[in-house]
Amino acid sequence: MIPTSRQGLILRPFRLTDADALSQLANDRDIWRNVRDSFPHPYDRAAADAFLAKACGEGGALLFAIEADGALAGGAGLHFQQDVERRSVEVGYWLGRPFWGQGIATLAVSALTAHGFATKAEIHRVFAGVYAWNEASSRVLEKCGFTLEGRLRQDAFKDGEFVDRLIYGRLRSDP
């Protein structure tokens, strides 16, 4: 479990019992629009069960449920890279609509990044790719000390259109 600076907000391991809440929260087109296509839409109980089987097992990522005042609010994870990028991890996160605009994502990403640097000596860099239309996620990363490193023009094909992806990064040595 990873505490945050806000009482009642924690990052904890996912549980198989999260399936109902997960399928309800994640079944939102606006969430799907801002994450990778591997995040299904619609997000039904079968999708929740499949994800939880992976998240609750052994794997190459650190995956956490975001819990606010005892309720599942979303998910966040650090995804380890391979080969020459093996000292970098990608941070990914999403929140259910009822939890938007409360500063939860900022607190979760900040806590998860600090946890990664504190517990995994091999992590040198944490990065995230954000679709250019997702200004809220860009603000979250900037508040967490990430630097805009570049814009990949029409790098992604999402929701039927090409979209620029903004790359944010934070080094272990950054303040």
N, C-alpha and C. Protein backbone atom coordinates (compact mmCIF):
# COMPACT_ATOMS: atom_id res chain seq x y z
N MET A 1 0.84 -1.18 0.00
CA MET A 1 0.00 0.00 0.00
C MET A 1 0.89 1.24 0.00
N ILE A 2 0.50 2.24 -0.78
CA ILE A 2 1.24 3.49 -0.87
C ILE A 2 0.34 4.62 -0.38
N PRO A 3 0.72 5.25 0.72
CA PRO A 3 -0.09 6.38 1.19
C PRO A 3 0.19 7.62 0.34
N THR A 4 -0.73 8.55 0.35
CA THR A 4 -0.53 9.84 -0.31
C THR A 4 -0.60 10.92 0.76
N SER A 5 -0.44 12.16 0.35
CA SER A 5 -0.48 13.26 1.31
C SER A 5 -1.92 13.66 1.68
N ARG A 6 -2.91 12.99 1.12
CA ARG A 6 -4.32 13.27 1.46
C ARG A 6 -4.89 12.10 2.23
N GLN A 7 -5.43 12.36 3.38
CA GLN A 7 -6.04 11.31 4.18
C GLN A 7 -7.18 10.68 3.40
N GLY A 8 -7.25 9.36 3.46
CA GLY A 8 -8.31 8.63 2.77
C GLY A 8 -7.99 8.30 1.32
N LEU A 9 -6.82 8.71 0.84
CA LEU A 9 -6.43 8.40 -0.54
C LEU A 9 -5.18 7.53 -0.50
N ILE A 10 -5.28 6.33 -1.05
CA ILE A 10 -4.15 5.41 -1.07
C ILE A 10 -4.06 4.73 -2.43
N LEU A 11 -2.89 4.20 -2.70
CA LEU A 11 -2.69 3.28 -3.81
C LEU A 11 -2.48 1.92 -3.17
N ARG A 12 -3.24 0.95 -3.60
CA ARG A 12 -3.17 -0.38 -3.02
C ARG A 12 -3.20 -1.41 -4.15
N PRO A 13 -2.80 -2.63 -3.85
CA PRO A 13 -2.93 -3.66 -4.89
C PRO A 13 -4.39 -3.84 -5.29
N PHE A 14 -4.59 -4.16 -6.56
CA PHE A 14 -5.94 -4.50 -7.00
C PHE A 14 -6.36 -5.80 -6.32
N ARG A 15 -7.67 -5.97 -6.15
CA ARG A 15 -8.24 -7.19 -5.58
C ARG A 15 -9.25 -7.75 -6.58
N LEU A 16 -9.40 -9.07 -6.58
CA LEU A 16 -10.39 -9.68 -7.46
C LEU A 16 -11.79 -9.14 -7.15
N THR A 17 -12.02 -8.73 -5.92
CA THR A 17 -13.33 -8.19 -5.53
C THR A 17 -13.58 -6.78 -6.08
N ASP A 18 -12.60 -6.18 -6.77
CA ASP A 18 -12.78 -4.87 -7.39
C ASP A 18 -13.55 -4.94 -8.71
N ALA A 19 -13.88 -6.14 -9.16
CA ALA A 19 -14.41 -6.32 -10.52
C ALA A 19 -15.66 -5.49 -10.80
N ASP A 20 -16.64 -5.51 -9.93
CA ASP A 20 -17.88 -4.77 -10.20
C ASP A 20 -17.62 -3.27 -10.28
N ALA A 21 -16.92 -2.73 -9.29
CA ALA A 21 -16.63 -1.29 -9.29
C ALA A 21 -15.76 -0.91 -10.48
N LEU A 22 -14.79 -1.75 -10.81
CA LEU A 22 -13.91 -1.48 -11.95
C LEU A 22 -14.70 -1.43 -13.25
N SER A 23 -15.57 -2.40 -13.47
CA SER A 23 -16.32 -2.42 -14.73
C SER A 23 -17.27 -1.23 -14.82
N GLN A 24 -17.80 -0.76 -13.70
CA GLN A 24 -18.68 0.40 -13.73
C GLN A 24 -17.91 1.69 -13.99
N LEU A 25 -16.79 1.89 -13.28
CA LEU A 25 -16.00 3.12 -13.44
C LEU A 25 -15.33 3.22 -14.81
N ALA A 26 -14.75 2.11 -15.24
CA ALA A 26 -13.93 2.12 -16.46
C ALA A 26 -14.76 2.11 -17.74
N ASN A 27 -16.04 1.83 -17.64
CA ASN A 27 -16.89 1.79 -18.82
C ASN A 27 -17.35 3.20 -19.19
N ASP A 28 -16.40 4.00 -19.60
CA ASP A 28 -16.65 5.42 -19.90
C ASP A 28 -15.84 5.77 -21.15
N ARG A 29 -16.52 6.18 -22.18
CA ARG A 29 -15.84 6.48 -23.45
C ARG A 29 -14.78 7.56 -23.29
N ASP A 30 -15.01 8.54 -22.42
CA ASP A 30 -14.02 9.61 -22.24
C ASP A 30 -12.75 9.10 -21.57
N ILE A 31 -12.85 8.08 -20.74
CA ILE A 31 -11.63 7.46 -20.20
C ILE A 31 -10.92 6.73 -21.33
N TRP A 32 -11.65 5.87 -22.05
CA TRP A 32 -11.06 5.11 -23.15
C TRP A 32 -10.38 6.03 -24.17
N ARG A 33 -10.96 7.18 -24.41
CA ARG A 33 -10.42 8.10 -25.42
C ARG A 33 -9.04 8.62 -25.05
N ASN A 34 -8.68 8.55 -23.77
CA ASN A 34 -7.41 9.11 -23.33
C ASN A 34 -6.39 8.07 -22.88
N VAL A 35 -6.68 6.80 -23.15
CA VAL A 35 -5.73 5.74 -22.80
C VAL A 35 -5.46 4.90 -24.05
N ARG A 36 -4.61 3.93 -23.90
CA ARG A 36 -4.28 3.04 -25.03
C ARG A 36 -5.48 2.20 -25.44
N ASP A 37 -5.47 1.73 -26.67
CA ASP A 37 -6.57 0.91 -27.17
C ASP A 37 -6.64 -0.44 -26.46
N SER A 38 -5.58 -0.86 -25.78
CA SER A 38 -5.64 -2.12 -25.04
C SER A 38 -6.58 -2.02 -23.84
N PHE A 39 -6.97 -0.81 -23.47
CA PHE A 39 -7.99 -0.58 -22.44
C PHE A 39 -9.32 -0.66 -23.17
N PRO A 40 -10.11 -1.72 -22.95
CA PRO A 40 -11.28 -1.96 -23.80
C PRO A 40 -12.41 -0.96 -23.59
N HIS A 41 -13.20 -0.82 -24.63
CA HIS A 41 -14.46 -0.08 -24.54
C HIS A 41 -15.46 -0.76 -25.47
N PRO A 42 -16.62 -1.16 -24.99
CA PRO A 42 -17.04 -0.99 -23.62
C PRO A 42 -16.22 -1.85 -22.66
N TYR A 43 -16.18 -1.41 -21.40
CA TYR A 43 -15.43 -2.10 -20.36
C TYR A 43 -16.45 -2.85 -19.51
N ASP A 44 -16.61 -4.13 -19.79
CA ASP A 44 -17.62 -4.91 -19.09
C ASP A 44 -16.99 -5.77 -17.99
N ARG A 45 -17.79 -6.59 -17.36
CA ARG A 45 -17.31 -7.43 -16.26
C ARG A 45 -16.22 -8.39 -16.74
N ALA A 46 -16.35 -8.92 -17.94
CA ALA A 46 -15.33 -9.83 -18.47
C ALA A 46 -14.00 -9.10 -18.62
N ALA A 47 -14.03 -7.85 -19.08
CA ALA A 47 -12.79 -7.07 -19.20
C ALA A 47 -12.19 -6.82 -17.83
N ALA A 48 -13.03 -6.51 -16.86
CA ALA A 48 -12.54 -6.29 -15.49
C ALA A 48 -11.91 -7.56 -14.94
N ASP A 49 -12.56 -8.70 -15.12
CA ASP A 49 -12.02 -9.96 -14.63
C ASP A 49 -10.69 -10.29 -15.28
N ALA A 50 -10.58 -10.06 -16.59
CA ALA A 50 -9.32 -10.34 -17.30
C ALA A 50 -8.20 -9.44 -16.80
N PHE A 51 -8.49 -8.15 -16.62
CA PHE A 51 -7.47 -7.24 -16.11
C PHE A 51 -7.05 -7.63 -14.69
N LEU A 52 -8.01 -7.93 -13.84
CA LEU A 52 -7.69 -8.24 -12.45
C LEU A 52 -6.89 -9.53 -12.33
N ALA A 53 -7.14 -10.49 -13.20
CA ALA A 53 -6.35 -11.72 -13.19
C ALA A 53 -4.88 -11.38 -13.45
N LYS A 54 -4.64 -10.45 -14.36
CA LYS A 54 -3.27 -10.02 -14.66
C LYS A 54 -2.71 -9.15 -13.53
N ALA A 55 -3.49 -8.19 -13.06
CA ALA A 55 -3.01 -7.25 -12.05
C ALA A 55 -2.74 -7.92 -10.71
N CYS A 56 -3.49 -8.97 -10.42
CA CYS A 56 -3.32 -9.67 -9.14
C CYS A 56 -2.29 -10.78 -9.24
N GLY A 57 -1.75 -11.02 -10.42
CA GLY A 57 -0.72 -12.03 -10.61
C GLY A 57 0.66 -11.41 -10.67
N GLU A 58 1.61 -12.21 -11.04
CA GLU A 58 2.98 -11.73 -11.20
C GLU A 58 3.11 -11.13 -12.60
N GLY A 59 3.86 -10.06 -12.71
CA GLY A 59 4.03 -9.46 -14.02
C GLY A 59 5.14 -8.44 -14.04
N GLY A 60 5.31 -7.81 -15.19
CA GLY A 60 6.38 -6.85 -15.38
C GLY A 60 5.98 -5.42 -15.12
N ALA A 61 4.95 -5.22 -14.31
CA ALA A 61 4.50 -3.86 -14.01
C ALA A 61 4.10 -3.78 -12.55
N LEU A 62 4.14 -2.58 -12.03
CA LEU A 62 3.60 -2.31 -10.70
C LEU A 62 2.24 -1.67 -10.91
N LEU A 63 1.17 -2.40 -10.63
CA LEU A 63 -0.18 -1.93 -10.88
C LEU A 63 -0.90 -1.72 -9.55
N PHE A 64 -1.56 -0.57 -9.41
CA PHE A 64 -2.22 -0.23 -8.18
C PHE A 64 -3.63 0.31 -8.44
N ALA A 65 -4.53 -0.02 -7.52
CA ALA A 65 -5.84 0.60 -7.49
C ALA A 65 -5.70 1.93 -6.77
N ILE A 66 -6.37 2.96 -7.27
CA ILE A 66 -6.46 4.22 -6.55
C ILE A 66 -7.74 4.15 -5.75
N GLU A 67 -7.62 4.29 -4.42
CA GLU A 67 -8.77 4.20 -3.54
C GLU A 67 -8.96 5.52 -2.82
N ALA A 68 -10.16 6.06 -2.89
CA ALA A 68 -10.49 7.32 -2.23
C ALA A 68 -11.61 7.06 -1.22
N ASP A 69 -11.31 7.29 0.02
CA ASP A 69 -12.29 7.11 1.10
C ASP A 69 -12.98 5.75 1.02
N GLY A 70 -12.18 4.71 0.78
CA GLY A 70 -12.69 3.35 0.78
C GLY A 70 -13.30 2.88 -0.52
N ALA A 71 -13.38 3.74 -1.52
CA ALA A 71 -13.99 3.38 -2.81
C ALA A 71 -12.93 3.33 -3.91
N LEU A 72 -13.07 2.37 -4.81
CA LEU A 72 -12.19 2.33 -5.97
C LEU A 72 -12.43 3.59 -6.80
N ALA A 73 -11.34 4.31 -7.11
CA ALA A 73 -11.46 5.55 -7.87
C ALA A 73 -10.81 5.45 -9.24
N GLY A 74 -9.88 4.51 -9.43
CA GLY A 74 -9.18 4.40 -10.69
C GLY A 74 -8.01 3.46 -10.56
N GLY A 75 -7.05 3.61 -11.46
CA GLY A 75 -5.88 2.76 -11.47
C GLY A 75 -4.64 3.51 -11.91
N ALA A 76 -3.49 3.02 -11.48
CA ALA A 76 -2.21 3.63 -11.86
C ALA A 76 -1.16 2.54 -11.87
N GLY A 77 -0.16 2.71 -12.71
CA GLY A 77 0.88 1.71 -12.77
C GLY A 77 2.18 2.23 -13.35
N LEU A 78 3.23 1.53 -13.03
CA LEU A 78 4.54 1.76 -13.62
C LEU A 78 4.85 0.55 -14.49
N HIS A 79 5.12 0.80 -15.76
CA HIS A 79 5.34 -0.27 -16.73
C HIS A 79 6.81 -0.25 -17.16
N PHE A 80 7.51 -1.30 -16.81
CA PHE A 80 8.94 -1.39 -17.08
C PHE A 80 9.19 -1.60 -18.57
N GLN A 81 10.21 -0.94 -19.07
CA GLN A 81 10.57 -1.03 -20.47
C GLN A 81 11.64 -2.11 -20.65
N GLN A 82 12.00 -2.37 -21.88
CA GLN A 82 12.94 -3.44 -22.21
C GLN A 82 14.17 -2.89 -22.92
N ASP A 83 15.17 -3.72 -23.05
CA ASP A 83 16.36 -3.46 -23.85
C ASP A 83 17.05 -2.18 -23.39
N VAL A 84 17.37 -1.27 -24.30
CA VAL A 84 18.11 -0.07 -23.93
C VAL A 84 17.28 0.90 -23.09
N GLU A 85 15.96 0.70 -23.07
CA GLU A 85 15.10 1.54 -22.24
C GLU A 85 14.81 0.89 -20.88
N ARG A 86 15.57 -0.12 -20.51
CA ARG A 86 15.28 -0.91 -19.32
C ARG A 86 15.38 -0.13 -18.01
N ARG A 87 15.95 1.06 -18.01
CA ARG A 87 16.03 1.88 -16.80
C ARG A 87 14.93 2.94 -16.76
N SER A 88 14.00 2.85 -17.72
CA SER A 88 12.86 3.77 -17.80
C SER A 88 11.58 3.00 -17.53
N VAL A 89 10.62 3.68 -16.92
CA VAL A 89 9.29 3.11 -16.72
C VAL A 89 8.26 4.11 -17.21
N GLU A 90 7.19 3.59 -17.78
CA GLU A 90 6.09 4.44 -18.21
C GLU A 90 5.03 4.45 -17.12
N VAL A 91 4.61 5.64 -16.73
CA VAL A 91 3.52 5.75 -15.77
C VAL A 91 2.22 5.91 -16.54
N GLY A 92 1.23 5.16 -16.12
CA GLY A 92 -0.10 5.26 -16.70
C GLY A 92 -1.11 5.38 -15.58
N TYR A 93 -2.20 6.07 -15.84
CA TYR A 93 -3.20 6.27 -14.80
C TYR A 93 -4.52 6.67 -15.43
N TRP A 94 -5.59 6.41 -14.70
CA TRP A 94 -6.93 6.85 -15.10
C TRP A 94 -7.77 6.95 -13.84
N LEU A 95 -8.78 7.79 -13.92
CA LEU A 95 -9.73 7.97 -12.82
C LEU A 95 -11.14 7.86 -13.33
N GLY A 96 -12.01 7.29 -12.52
CA GLY A 96 -13.43 7.27 -12.84
C GLY A 96 -14.00 8.68 -12.77
N ARG A 97 -14.97 8.94 -13.61
CA ARG A 97 -15.56 10.28 -13.73
C ARG A 97 -15.97 10.91 -12.39
N PRO A 98 -16.56 10.16 -11.44
CA PRO A 98 -16.95 10.81 -10.18
C PRO A 98 -15.78 11.41 -9.40
N PHE A 99 -14.57 11.06 -9.76
CA PHE A 99 -13.39 11.50 -9.02
C PHE A 99 -12.58 12.56 -9.76
N TRP A 100 -13.06 13.00 -10.91
CA TRP A 100 -12.34 14.01 -11.67
C TRP A 100 -12.38 15.35 -10.95
N GLY A 101 -11.34 16.17 -11.18
CA GLY A 101 -11.31 17.54 -10.70
C GLY A 101 -11.09 17.70 -9.21
N GLN A 102 -10.61 16.67 -8.54
CA GLN A 102 -10.39 16.73 -7.09
C GLN A 102 -8.92 16.66 -6.70
N GLY A 103 -8.03 16.65 -7.68
CA GLY A 103 -6.60 16.57 -7.39
C GLY A 103 -6.12 15.16 -7.10
N ILE A 104 -6.98 14.17 -7.28
CA ILE A 104 -6.63 12.79 -6.96
C ILE A 104 -5.55 12.26 -7.89
N ALA A 105 -5.66 12.52 -9.18
CA ALA A 105 -4.66 12.01 -10.12
C ALA A 105 -3.28 12.58 -9.80
N THR A 106 -3.22 13.85 -9.47
CA THR A 106 -1.94 14.47 -9.14
C THR A 106 -1.32 13.80 -7.92
N LEU A 107 -2.11 13.60 -6.88
CA LEU A 107 -1.60 12.95 -5.68
C LEU A 107 -1.17 11.51 -5.96
N ALA A 108 -1.95 10.79 -6.76
CA ALA A 108 -1.63 9.40 -7.07
C ALA A 108 -0.35 9.29 -7.90
N VAL A 109 -0.22 10.11 -8.94
CA VAL A 109 0.98 10.05 -9.78
C VAL A 109 2.22 10.47 -8.98
N SER A 110 2.08 11.48 -8.16
CA SER A 110 3.19 11.91 -7.33
C SER A 110 3.64 10.81 -6.38
N ALA A 111 2.69 10.17 -5.70
CA ALA A 111 3.01 9.09 -4.76
C ALA A 111 3.61 7.90 -5.48
N LEU A 112 3.06 7.54 -6.63
CA LEU A 112 3.55 6.38 -7.37
C LEU A 112 4.96 6.63 -7.90
N THR A 113 5.21 7.82 -8.41
CA THR A 113 6.55 8.16 -8.91
C THR A 113 7.56 8.10 -7.77
N ALA A 114 7.23 8.69 -6.64
CA ALA A 114 8.14 8.66 -5.48
C ALA A 114 8.37 7.23 -5.03
N HIS A 115 7.33 6.41 -5.01
CA HIS A 115 7.45 5.01 -4.62
C HIS A 115 8.39 4.27 -5.58
N GLY A 116 8.22 4.50 -6.86
CA GLY A 116 9.08 3.84 -7.84
C GLY A 116 10.55 4.18 -7.64
N PHE A 117 10.83 5.46 -7.49
CA PHE A 117 12.22 5.87 -7.27
C PHE A 117 12.76 5.33 -5.95
N ALA A 118 11.93 5.28 -4.91
CA ALA A 118 12.38 4.85 -3.58
C ALA A 118 12.60 3.35 -3.48
N THR A 119 11.83 2.57 -4.22
CA THR A 119 11.89 1.11 -4.03
C THR A 119 12.56 0.36 -5.17
N LYS A 120 12.76 0.99 -6.29
CA LYS A 120 13.36 0.31 -7.45
C LYS A 120 14.59 1.09 -7.90
N ALA A 121 15.74 0.68 -7.40
CA ALA A 121 16.99 1.39 -7.68
C ALA A 121 17.29 1.46 -9.17
N GLU A 122 16.78 0.51 -9.94
CA GLU A 122 17.08 0.48 -11.38
C GLU A 122 16.34 1.56 -12.16
N ILE A 123 15.33 2.19 -11.57
CA ILE A 123 14.57 3.23 -12.29
C ILE A 123 15.38 4.52 -12.32
N HIS A 124 15.66 4.98 -13.52
CA HIS A 124 16.35 6.25 -13.73
C HIS A 124 15.39 7.33 -14.21
N ARG A 125 14.38 6.90 -14.98
CA ARG A 125 13.47 7.86 -15.62
C ARG A 125 12.05 7.31 -15.61
N VAL A 126 11.09 8.18 -15.31
CA VAL A 126 9.68 7.86 -15.42
C VAL A 126 9.12 8.78 -16.51
N PHE A 127 8.34 8.22 -17.42
CA PHE A 127 7.80 9.04 -18.51
C PHE A 127 6.34 8.70 -18.74
N ALA A 128 5.68 9.58 -19.46
CA ALA A 128 4.28 9.36 -19.85
C ALA A 128 4.04 10.00 -21.20
N GLY A 129 3.22 9.35 -22.00
CA GLY A 129 2.75 9.91 -23.26
C GLY A 129 1.30 10.34 -23.09
N VAL A 130 1.00 11.56 -23.51
CA VAL A 130 -0.34 12.13 -23.35
C VAL A 130 -0.83 12.60 -24.71
N TYR A 131 -2.05 12.23 -25.06
CA TYR A 131 -2.62 12.74 -26.31
C TYR A 131 -2.77 14.25 -26.17
N ALA A 132 -2.47 14.97 -27.24
CA ALA A 132 -2.44 16.44 -27.18
C ALA A 132 -3.76 17.05 -26.72
N TRP A 133 -4.87 16.37 -26.95
CA TRP A 133 -6.15 16.93 -26.54
C TRP A 133 -6.40 16.79 -25.03
N ASN A 134 -5.56 16.03 -24.33
CA ASN A 134 -5.80 15.76 -22.92
C ASN A 134 -5.04 16.75 -22.03
N GLU A 135 -5.53 17.98 -22.00
CA GLU A 135 -4.86 19.03 -21.24
C GLU A 135 -4.84 18.75 -19.74
N ALA A 136 -5.87 18.10 -19.22
CA ALA A 136 -5.92 17.80 -17.79
C ALA A 136 -4.77 16.88 -17.39
N SER A 137 -4.48 15.88 -18.21
CA SER A 137 -3.38 14.97 -17.89
C SER A 137 -2.03 15.67 -17.99
N SER A 138 -1.89 16.56 -18.95
CA SER A 138 -0.65 17.35 -19.02
C SER A 138 -0.45 18.16 -17.75
N ARG A 139 -1.51 18.76 -17.24
CA ARG A 139 -1.41 19.53 -16.00
C ARG A 139 -1.03 18.64 -14.82
N VAL A 140 -1.60 17.44 -14.75
CA VAL A 140 -1.25 16.50 -13.68
C VAL A 140 0.25 16.25 -13.68
N LEU A 141 0.79 15.92 -14.84
CA LEU A 141 2.21 15.59 -14.92
C LEU A 141 3.09 16.79 -14.58
N GLU A 142 2.72 17.96 -15.06
CA GLU A 142 3.49 19.16 -14.76
C GLU A 142 3.49 19.45 -13.25
N LYS A 143 2.34 19.26 -12.60
CA LYS A 143 2.26 19.47 -11.15
C LYS A 143 3.11 18.45 -10.40
N CYS A 144 3.36 17.31 -11.00
CA CYS A 144 4.17 16.25 -10.38
C CYS A 144 5.65 16.37 -10.72
N GLY A 145 6.05 17.47 -11.34
CA GLY A 145 7.46 17.69 -11.62
C GLY A 145 7.98 17.10 -12.92
N PHE A 146 7.07 16.64 -13.78
CA PHE A 146 7.48 16.12 -15.09
C PHE A 146 7.72 17.28 -16.04
N THR A 147 8.65 17.09 -16.95
CA THR A 147 9.00 18.09 -17.95
C THR A 147 8.51 17.64 -19.32
N LEU A 148 7.93 18.56 -20.07
CA LEU A 148 7.55 18.26 -21.44
C LEU A 148 8.84 18.09 -22.25
N GLU A 149 9.06 16.88 -22.75
CA GLU A 149 10.28 16.59 -23.49
C GLU A 149 10.11 16.69 -24.99
N GLY A 150 8.89 16.57 -25.45
CA GLY A 150 8.70 16.68 -26.89
C GLY A 150 7.29 16.35 -27.32
N ARG A 151 7.06 16.63 -28.58
CA ARG A 151 5.77 16.35 -29.23
C ARG A 151 6.04 15.42 -30.40
N LEU A 152 5.38 14.28 -30.38
CA LEU A 152 5.46 13.34 -31.49
C LEU A 152 4.26 13.60 -32.40
N ARG A 153 4.53 14.19 -33.54
CA ARG A 153 3.46 14.63 -34.43
C ARG A 153 2.72 13.44 -35.03
N GLN A 154 1.39 13.47 -34.89
CA GLN A 154 0.50 12.45 -35.42
C GLN A 154 1.03 11.04 -35.13
N ASP A 155 1.52 10.86 -33.92
CA ASP A 155 2.15 9.61 -33.51
C ASP A 155 1.14 8.51 -33.23
N ALA A 156 -0.05 8.88 -32.82
CA ALA A 156 -1.04 7.88 -32.43
C ALA A 156 -2.28 8.00 -33.32
N PHE A 157 -2.94 6.87 -33.50
CA PHE A 157 -4.22 6.85 -34.20
C PHE A 157 -5.25 6.41 -33.17
N LYS A 158 -6.04 7.36 -32.70
CA LYS A 158 -6.98 7.11 -31.62
C LYS A 158 -8.35 7.66 -31.99
N ASP A 159 -9.36 6.86 -31.77
CA ASP A 159 -10.73 7.29 -31.99
C ASP A 159 -10.95 7.79 -33.42
N GLY A 160 -10.30 7.12 -34.37
CA GLY A 160 -10.51 7.43 -35.78
C GLY A 160 -9.72 8.59 -36.34
N GLU A 161 -8.77 9.12 -35.55
CA GLU A 161 -7.98 10.24 -36.07
C GLU A 161 -6.53 10.16 -35.57
N PHE A 162 -5.65 10.79 -36.32
CA PHE A 162 -4.27 10.91 -35.90
C PHE A 162 -4.17 12.04 -34.89
N VAL A 163 -3.39 11.80 -33.85
CA VAL A 163 -3.25 12.79 -32.80
C VAL A 163 -1.79 12.87 -32.36
N ASP A 164 -1.35 14.09 -32.06
CA ASP A 164 0.00 14.26 -31.52
C ASP A 164 0.04 13.68 -30.12
N ARG A 165 1.21 13.16 -29.76
CA ARG A 165 1.42 12.67 -28.41
C ARG A 165 2.51 13.50 -27.76
N LEU A 166 2.24 13.99 -26.57
CA LEU A 166 3.20 14.78 -25.81
C LEU A 166 3.93 13.83 -24.86
N ILE A 167 5.24 13.92 -24.82
CA ILE A 167 6.05 13.05 -23.96
C ILE A 167 6.56 13.87 -22.79
N TYR A 168 6.22 13.41 -21.60
CA TYR A 168 6.67 14.03 -20.36
C TYR A 168 7.62 13.08 -19.67
N GLY A 169 8.65 13.63 -19.02
CA GLY A 169 9.59 12.77 -18.31
C GLY A 169 10.06 13.40 -17.01
N ARG A 170 10.47 12.52 -16.12
CA ARG A 170 11.06 12.96 -14.86
C ARG A 170 12.20 12.01 -14.53
N LEU A 171 13.35 12.60 -14.23
CA LEU A 171 14.53 11.82 -13.88
C LEU A 171 14.62 11.67 -12.36
N ARG A 172 15.28 10.62 -11.95
CA ARG A 172 15.51 10.42 -10.52
C ARG A 172 16.19 11.64 -9.91
N SER A 173 17.07 12.28 -10.65
CA SER A 173 17.84 13.41 -10.13
C SER A 173 17.07 14.74 -10.16
N ASP A 174 15.87 14.75 -10.75
CA ASP A 174 15.07 15.98 -10.79
C ASP A 174 14.59 16.32 -9.38
N PRO A 175 14.46 17.62 -9.11
CA PRO A 175 13.96 17.99 -7.76
C PRO A 175 12.53 17.57 -7.52
